[in-house]
C-alpha atoms as a PDB file:
ATOM      1  CA  UNK A   1     -20.133   9.947   2.471  1.00  0.00           C
ATOM      2  CA  UNK A   2     -19.163  10.785  -1.075  1.00  0.00           C
ATOM      3  CA  UNK A   3     -21.338   9.715  -3.914  1.00  0.00           C
ATOM      4  CA  UNK A   4     -19.947   6.682  -5.826  1.00  0.00           C
ATOM      5  CA  UNK A   5     -20.198   8.483  -9.130  1.00  0.00           C
ATOM      6  CA  UNK A   6     -17.617  11.208  -7.959  1.00  0.00           C
ATOM      7  CA  UNK A   7     -15.053   8.608  -7.043  1.00  0.00           C
ATOM      8  CA  UNK A   8     -14.371   7.199 -10.243  1.00  0.00           C
ATOM      9  CA  UNK A   9     -12.510   8.820 -13.256  1.00  0.00           C
ATOM     10  CA  UNK A  10     -14.783  10.240 -15.908  1.00  0.00           C
ATOM     11  CA  UNK A  11     -12.417   8.711 -18.708  1.00  0.00           C
ATOM     12  CA  UNK A  12      -9.439   6.805 -19.257  1.00  0.00           C
ATOM     13  CA  UNK A  13      -6.557   8.812 -21.569  1.00  0.00           C
ATOM     14  CA  UNK A  14      -5.942   6.915 -24.427  1.00  0.00           C
ATOM     15  CA  UNK A  15      -3.062   8.646 -26.353  1.00  0.00           C
ATOM     16  CA  UNK A  16       0.253   9.775 -24.947  1.00  0.00           C
ATOM     17  CA  UNK A  17      -0.480  13.337 -24.466  1.00  0.00           C
ATOM     18  CA  UNK A  18      -3.606  12.675 -22.358  1.00  0.00           C
ATOM     19  CA  UNK A  19      -1.646  10.074 -20.581  1.00  0.00           C
ATOM     20  CA  UNK A  20       1.047  12.576 -19.686  1.00  0.00           C
ATOM     21  CA  UNK A  21      -1.820  15.088 -18.569  1.00  0.00           C
ATOM     22  CA  UNK A  22      -3.336  12.768 -16.212  1.00  0.00           C
ATOM     23  CA  UNK A  23       0.074  11.558 -14.798  1.00  0.00           C
ATOM     24  CA  UNK A  24       0.857  15.407 -14.289  1.00  0.00           C
ATOM     25  CA  UNK A  25      -2.288  15.858 -12.366  1.00  0.00           C
ATOM     26  CA  UNK A  26      -1.903  12.826 -10.342  1.00  0.00           C
ATOM     27  CA  UNK A  27       1.675  14.227  -9.164  1.00  0.00           C
ATOM     28  CA  UNK A  28       0.375  17.518  -8.561  1.00  0.00           C
ATOM     29  CA  UNK A  29      -2.263  16.049  -6.398  1.00  0.00           C
ATOM     30  CA  UNK A  30       0.510  14.361  -4.592  1.00  0.00           C
ATOM     31  CA  UNK A  31       2.126  17.559  -4.039  1.00  0.00           C
ATOM     32  CA  UNK A  32      -0.741  19.731  -2.821  1.00  0.00           C
ATOM     33  CA  UNK A  33      -1.991  17.014  -0.403  1.00  0.00           C
ATOM     34  CA  UNK A  34       1.504  16.558   1.397  1.00  0.00           C
ATOM     35  CA  UNK A  35       1.826  20.298   1.337  1.00  0.00           C
ATOM     36  CA  UNK A  36      -1.719  21.551   1.923  1.00  0.00           C
ATOM     37  CA  UNK A  37      -3.775  18.763   3.687  1.00  0.00           C
ATOM     38  CA  UNK A  38      -6.766  17.108   2.267  1.00  0.00           C
ATOM     39  CA  UNK A  39      -8.971  19.787   3.692  1.00  0.00           C
ATOM     40  CA  UNK A  40      -6.719  22.659   1.966  1.00  0.00           C
ATOM     41  CA  UNK A  41      -6.610  20.486  -1.640  1.00  0.00           C
ATOM     42  CA  UNK A  42      -9.069  21.579  -4.228  1.00  0.00           C
ATOM     43  CA  UNK A  43      -9.365  20.877  -8.028  1.00  0.00           C
ATOM     44  CA  UNK A  44      -8.367  24.820  -8.816  1.00  0.00           C
ATOM     45  CA  UNK A  45      -5.242  24.466  -6.768  1.00  0.00           C
ATOM     46  CA  UNK A  46      -4.242  20.690  -8.376  1.00  0.00           C
ATOM     47  CA  UNK A  47      -4.752  21.919 -11.678  1.00  0.00           C
ATOM     48  CA  UNK A  48      -2.560  25.243 -11.160  1.00  0.00           C
ATOM     49  CA  UNK A  49       0.214  22.884  -9.938  1.00  0.00           C
ATOM     50  CA  UNK A  50      -0.119  20.509 -12.831  1.00  0.00           C
ATOM     51  CA  UNK A  51       0.010  23.339 -15.174  1.00  0.00           C
ATOM     52  CA  UNK A  52      -3.487  22.537 -16.642  1.00  0.00           C
ATOM     53  CA  UNK A  53      -6.808  24.359 -16.811  1.00  0.00           C
ATOM     54  CA  UNK A  54      -9.489  23.030 -14.223  1.00  0.00           C
ATOM     55  CA  UNK A  55     -11.401  22.206 -17.309  1.00  0.00           C
ATOM     56  CA  UNK A  56      -8.886  19.839 -18.346  1.00  0.00           C
ATOM     57  CA  UNK A  57      -8.709  18.431 -14.663  1.00  0.00           C
ATOM     58  CA  UNK A  58     -12.538  17.716 -15.005  1.00  0.00           C
ATOM     59  CA  UNK A  59     -12.364  15.785 -18.243  1.00  0.00           C
ATOM     60  CA  UNK A  60     -10.947  13.167 -16.439  1.00  0.00           C
ATOM     61  CA  UNK A  61     -11.569  13.310 -12.789  1.00  0.00           C
ATOM     62  CA  UNK A  62     -15.181  14.561 -11.362  1.00  0.00           C
ATOM     63  CA  UNK A  63     -13.858  15.727  -7.885  1.00  0.00           C
ATOM     64  CA  UNK A  64     -10.870  16.023  -5.576  1.00  0.00           C
ATOM     65  CA  UNK A  65     -12.106  12.931  -4.031  1.00  0.00           C
ATOM     66  CA  UNK A  66     -11.794  10.858  -7.358  1.00  0.00           C
ATOM     67  CA  UNK A  67      -8.208  11.998  -7.689  1.00  0.00           C
ATOM     68  CA  UNK A  68      -7.482  10.694  -4.113  1.00  0.00           C
ATOM     69  CA  UNK A  69      -9.285   7.525  -4.891  1.00  0.00           C
ATOM     70  CA  UNK A  70      -7.034   7.357  -8.161  1.00  0.00           C
ATOM     71  CA  UNK A  71      -3.846   7.601  -5.935  1.00  0.00           C
ATOM     72  CA  UNK A  72      -5.280   4.836  -3.498  1.00  0.00           C
ATOM     73  CA  UNK A  73      -5.882   2.448  -6.468  1.00  0.00           C
ATOM     74  CA  UNK A  74      -2.123   3.254  -7.593  1.00  0.00           C
ATOM     75  CA  UNK A  75      -0.941   2.464  -3.992  1.00  0.00           C
ATOM     76  CA  UNK A  76      -2.654  -0.453  -3.851  1.00  0.00           C
ATOM     77  CA  UNK A  77      -1.582  -1.813  -7.257  1.00  0.00           C
ATOM     78  CA  UNK A  78       2.149  -0.696  -6.564  1.00  0.00           C
ATOM     79  CA  UNK A  79       1.760  -2.788  -3.320  1.00  0.00           C
ATOM     80  CA  UNK A  80       0.262  -5.844  -4.813  1.00  0.00           C
ATOM     81  CA  UNK A  81       3.030  -5.773  -7.357  1.00  0.00           C
ATOM     82  CA  UNK A  82       5.517  -5.742  -4.773  1.00  0.00           C
ATOM     83  CA  UNK A  83       4.125  -8.584  -2.999  1.00  0.00           C
ATOM     84  CA  UNK A  84       3.744 -10.826  -6.251  1.00  0.00           C
ATOM     85  CA  UNK A  85       7.421  -9.981  -6.933  1.00  0.00           C
ATOM     86  CA  UNK A  86       8.433 -10.919  -3.440  1.00  0.00           C
ATOM     87  CA  UNK A  87       6.701 -14.498  -3.469  1.00  0.00           C
ATOM     88  CA  UNK A  88       8.180 -15.129  -6.836  1.00  0.00           C
ATOM     89  CA  UNK A  89      12.035 -14.271  -5.681  1.00  0.00           C
ATOM     90  CA  UNK A  90      11.306 -16.001  -2.497  1.00  0.00           C
ATOM     91  CA  UNK A  91      10.457 -19.423  -3.782  1.00  0.00           C
ATOM     92  CA  UNK A  92      13.935 -20.861  -2.814  1.00  0.00           C
ATOM     93  CA  UNK A  93      14.347 -18.652   0.136  1.00  0.00           C
ATOM     94  CA  UNK A  94      13.752 -20.038   3.995  1.00  0.00           C
ATOM     95  CA  UNK A  95      10.697 -18.784   5.712  1.00  0.00           C
ATOM     96  CA  UNK A  96      12.971 -16.612   8.051  1.00  0.00           C
ATOM     97  CA  UNK A  97      14.672 -14.781   5.070  1.00  0.00           C
ATOM     98  CA  UNK A  98      11.489 -14.235   3.083  1.00  0.00           C
ATOM     99  CA  UNK A  99       9.474 -12.867   5.762  1.00  0.00           C
ATOM    100  CA  UNK A 100      11.973 -10.309   6.772  1.00  0.00           C
ATOM    101  CA  UNK A 101      12.586  -9.305   2.842  1.00  0.00           C
ATOM    102  CA  UNK A 102       8.812  -8.919   2.990  1.00  0.00           C
ATOM    103  CA  UNK A 103       8.411  -6.955   5.907  1.00  0.00           C
ATOM    104  CA  UNK A 104      11.609  -4.505   4.873  1.00  0.00           C
ATOM    105  CA  UNK A 105      10.114  -4.133   1.595  1.00  0.00           C
ATOM    106  CA  UNK A 106       6.509  -3.083   2.726  1.00  0.00           C
ATOM    107  CA  UNK A 107       8.186  -0.420   4.983  1.00  0.00           C
ATOM    108  CA  UNK A 108      10.486   0.717   2.532  1.00  0.00           C
ATOM    109  CA  UNK A 109       7.646   1.252  -0.121  1.00  0.00           C
ATOM    110  CA  UNK A 110       5.601   3.290   2.446  1.00  0.00           C
ATOM    111  CA  UNK A 111       8.670   5.053   3.494  1.00  0.00           C
ATOM    112  CA  UNK A 112       9.044   6.682   0.214  1.00  0.00           C
ATOM    113  CA  UNK A 113       6.015   9.136   0.620  1.00  0.00           C
ATOM    114  CA  UNK A 114       4.964   8.885   4.436  1.00  0.00           C
ATOM    115  CA  UNK A 115       3.076  12.171   3.989  1.00  0.00           C
ATOM    116  CA  UNK A 116       1.141  11.040   1.221  1.00  0.00           C
ATOM    117  CA  UNK A 117       0.229   7.742   2.960  1.00  0.00           C
ATOM    118  CA  UNK A 118      -0.678   9.417   6.142  1.00  0.00           C
ATOM    119  CA  UNK A 119      -3.232  11.681   3.729  1.00  0.00           C
ATOM    120  CA  UNK A 120      -4.478   8.645   2.158  1.00  0.00           C
ATOM    121  CA  UNK A 121      -5.009   6.339   5.123  1.00  0.00           C
ATOM    122  CA  UNK A 122      -6.983   9.277   7.069  1.00  0.00           C
ATOM    123  CA  UNK A 123      -9.272   9.839   4.226  1.00  0.00           C
ATOM    124  CA  UNK A 124     -10.173   6.139   3.303  1.00  0.00           C
ATOM    125  CA  UNK A 125     -13.113   6.344   5.395  1.00  0.00           C
ATOM    126  CA  UNK A 126     -14.484   9.722   3.766  1.00  0.00           C
ATOM    127  CA  UNK A 127     -14.168   8.598   0.219  1.00  0.00           C
ATOM    128  CA  UNK A 128     -15.327   5.122   0.655  1.00  0.00           C
ATOM    129  CA  UNK A 129     -11.572   3.902  -0.374  1.00  0.00           C
ATOM    130  CA  UNK A 130     -11.847   0.331   1.688  1.00  0.00           C
ATOM    131  CA  UNK A 131     -13.387  -1.431  -1.236  1.00  0.00           C
ATOM    132  CA  UNK A 132     -10.042  -1.040  -3.025  1.00  0.00           C
ATOM    133  CA  UNK A 133      -8.260  -2.026  -0.179  1.00  0.00           C
ATOM    134  CA  UNK A 134     -10.203  -4.944   0.597  1.00  0.00           C
ATOM    135  CA  UNK A 135      -9.921  -6.100  -3.003  1.00  0.00           C
ATOM    136  CA  UNK A 136      -5.964  -5.761  -2.708  1.00  0.00           C
ATOM    137  CA  UNK A 137      -5.947  -7.603   0.690  1.00  0.00           C
ATOM    138  CA  UNK A 138      -7.910 -10.458  -0.630  1.00  0.00           C
ATOM    139  CA  UNK A 139      -5.310 -10.741  -3.573  1.00  0.00           C
ATOM    140  CA  UNK A 140      -2.424 -10.384  -1.353  1.00  0.00           C
ATOM    141  CA  UNK A 141      -3.609 -13.080   0.837  1.00  0.00           C
ATOM    142  CA  UNK A 142      -3.951 -15.489  -2.096  1.00  0.00           C
ATOM    143  CA  UNK A 143      -0.314 -14.755  -2.610  1.00  0.00           C
ATOM    144  CA  UNK A 144       1.020 -15.181   0.998  1.00  0.00           C
ATOM    145  CA  UNK A 145      -1.058 -18.209   1.042  1.00  0.00           C
ATOM    146  CA  UNK A 146       0.488 -19.709  -1.920  1.00  0.00           C
ATOM    147  CA  UNK A 147       3.957 -18.870   0.047  1.00  0.00           C
ATOM    148  CA  UNK A 148       2.885 -20.220   2.943  1.00  0.00           C
ATOM    149  CA  UNK A 149       1.879 -23.817   1.437  1.00  0.00           C
ATOM    150  CA  UNK A 150       5.362 -24.265   0.497  1.00  0.00           C
ATOM    151  CA  UNK A 151       6.643 -24.019   4.170  1.00  0.00           C
ATOM    152  CA  UNK A 152       3.621 -25.889   5.649  1.00  0.00           C
ATOM    153  CA  UNK A 153       5.315 -28.622   7.314  1.00  0.00           C
ATOM    154  CA  UNK A 154       7.136 -26.024   9.372  1.00  0.00           C
ATOM    155  CA  UNK A 155       4.104 -23.849  10.281  1.00  0.00           C
ATOM    156  CA  UNK A 156       2.255 -23.689  13.749  1.00  0.00           C
ATOM    157  CA  UNK A 157      -1.186 -22.613  12.049  1.00  0.00           C
ATOM    158  CA  UNK A 158      -2.939 -25.289  10.312  1.00  0.00           C
ATOM    159  CA  UNK A 159      -5.703 -23.003   8.650  1.00  0.00           C
ATOM    160  CA  UNK A 160      -3.287 -21.296   6.278  1.00  0.00           C
ATOM    161  CA  UNK A 161      -6.229 -19.281   4.827  1.00  0.00           C
ATOM    162  CA  UNK A 162      -6.790 -17.744   8.148  1.00  0.00           C
ATOM    163  CA  UNK A 163      -2.860 -17.437   8.820  1.00  0.00           C
ATOM    164  CA  UNK A 164      -2.856 -15.526   5.311  1.00  0.00           C
ATOM    165  CA  UNK A 165      -5.696 -13.105   6.525  1.00  0.00           C
ATOM    166  CA  UNK A 166      -3.761 -12.573   9.843  1.00  0.00           C
ATOM    167  CA  UNK A 167      -0.283 -11.813   8.227  1.00  0.00           C
ATOM    168  CA  UNK A 168      -1.110  -9.542   5.528  1.00  0.00           C
ATOM    169  CA  UNK A 169      -3.430  -7.243   8.005  1.00  0.00           C
ATOM    170  CA  UNK A 170      -0.675  -7.458  10.636  1.00  0.00           C
ATOM    171  CA  UNK A 171       1.994  -6.487   8.344  1.00  0.00           C
ATOM    172  CA  UNK A 172      -0.186  -3.388   7.004  1.00  0.00           C
ATOM    173  CA  UNK A 173      -1.889  -2.463  10.121  1.00  0.00           C
ATOM    174  CA  UNK A 174       1.755  -1.964  11.750  1.00  0.00           C
ATOM    175  CA  UNK A 175       2.961  -0.301   8.707  1.00  0.00           C
ATOM    176  CA  UNK A 176       0.086   2.270   8.500  1.00  0.00           C
ATOM    177  CA  UNK A 177       0.288   2.563  12.325  1.00  0.00           C
ATOM    178  CA  UNK A 178       4.104   3.820  11.843  1.00  0.00           C
ATOM    179  CA  UNK A 179       2.965   6.157   9.156  1.00  0.00           C
ATOM    180  CA  UNK A 180       0.511   7.929  11.508  1.00  0.00           C
ATOM    181  CA  UNK A 181       2.308   7.944  14.855  1.00  0.00           C
ATOM    182  CA  UNK A 182       6.146   6.641  14.086  1.00  0.00           C
ATOM    183  CA  UNK A 183       6.914   7.782  10.481  1.00  0.00           C
ATOM    184  CA  UNK A 184      10.736   8.254  11.563  1.00  0.00           C
ATOM    185  CA  UNK A 185      10.749   4.522  12.170  1.00  0.00           C
ATOM    186  CA  UNK A 186       9.799   3.327   8.930  1.00  0.00           C
ATOM    187  CA  UNK A 187      13.381   3.132   7.704  1.00  0.00           C
ATOM    188  CA  UNK A 188      14.371   1.823  11.055  1.00  0.00           C
ATOM    189  CA  UNK A 189      15.821  -1.653  11.212  1.00  0.00           C
ATOM    190  CA  UNK A 190      14.339  -2.201  14.526  1.00  0.00           C
ATOM    191  CA  UNK A 191      10.853  -1.833  13.486  1.00  0.00           C
ATOM    192  CA  UNK A 192      11.434  -4.231  10.719  1.00  0.00           C
ATOM    193  CA  UNK A 193      13.055  -6.910  12.834  1.00  0.00           C
ATOM    194  CA  UNK A 194      10.147  -6.671  15.359  1.00  0.00           C
ATOM    195  CA  UNK A 195       7.247  -6.800  12.980  1.00  0.00           C
ATOM    196  CA  UNK A 196       9.010  -9.790  11.330  1.00  0.00           C
ATOM    197  CA  UNK A 197       9.385 -11.186  15.022  1.00  0.00           C
ATOM    198  CA  UNK A 198       5.663 -10.775  15.257  1.00  0.00           C
ATOM    199  CA  UNK A 199       4.971 -12.772  11.868  1.00  0.00           C
ATOM    200  CA  UNK A 200       7.201 -15.493  12.637  1.00  0.00           C
ATOM    201  CA  UNK A 201       6.469 -16.180  16.033  1.00  0.00           C
ATOM    202  CA  UNK A 202       2.924 -16.422  15.069  1.00  0.00           C
ATOM    203  CA  UNK A 203       3.724 -18.777  12.007  1.00  0.00           C
ATOM    204  CA  UNK A 204       6.448 -21.093  13.553  1.00  0.00           C
ATOM    205  CA  UNK A 205       5.864 -23.690  16.431  1.00  0.00           C
ATOM    206  CA  UNK A 206       9.703 -23.235  17.968  1.00  0.00           C
ATOM    207  CA  UNK A 207      11.732 -20.499  18.344  1.00  0.00           C
ATOM    208  CA  UNK A 208      12.847 -17.968  15.871  1.00  0.00           C
ATOM    209  CA  UNK A 209      16.156 -17.776  14.684  1.00  0.00           C
ATOM    210  CA  UNK A 210      18.046 -14.170  14.618  1.00  0.00           C
ATOM    211  CA  UNK A 211      18.721 -12.831  11.242  1.00  0.00           C
ATOM    212  CA  UNK A 212      22.482 -13.102  11.465  1.00  0.00           C
ATOM    213  CA  UNK A 213      22.094 -16.823  12.042  1.00  0.00           C
ATOM    214  CA  UNK A 214      19.680 -17.190   8.985  1.00  0.00           C
ATOM    215  CA  UNK A 215      20.967 -17.684   5.337  1.00  0.00           C
END
């Protein structure tokens, strides 16, 4: 296991120039990880691709693991922002429409850089990245439960806290499995519909209407 002190940035950039440097380092980390893999990446190579000295990199990140953890943090924050936006925009939508839109959005977000997501998912145990994922999942569950409460009258599960837990982890697990085993399916409408059916059939007591009949 990697020591926790090596997983966190040494300092936060305050000035615009420093922020631009950190952004360049993170984007270079993405490119190196995708092209050369986690084991093939190192801080010297990342600094070279970023166009900075390795000393500049170490001012902000103490290790390769800290760089990957920063990308995990960024990814989790993006996913949480996406979910919060979706819940806000779906206040007046039916459960079927909102669920399908949510699943499509999650698949689309992961499909933008599937190779990078693959590296992050595979390395989470090595860098102790599950702590951040658990934090994000807890917040995501709160958002989903808020949405489910608005549709309580139609729902089969009585325990909405448990239902929120299962919905969040079912969608996330299916998405990550697709990244690792079927990346070509991330932009496939069939996969999105099957995941939506999985969620809706769990949530609803009756039959699930096909997408073309739901407005």
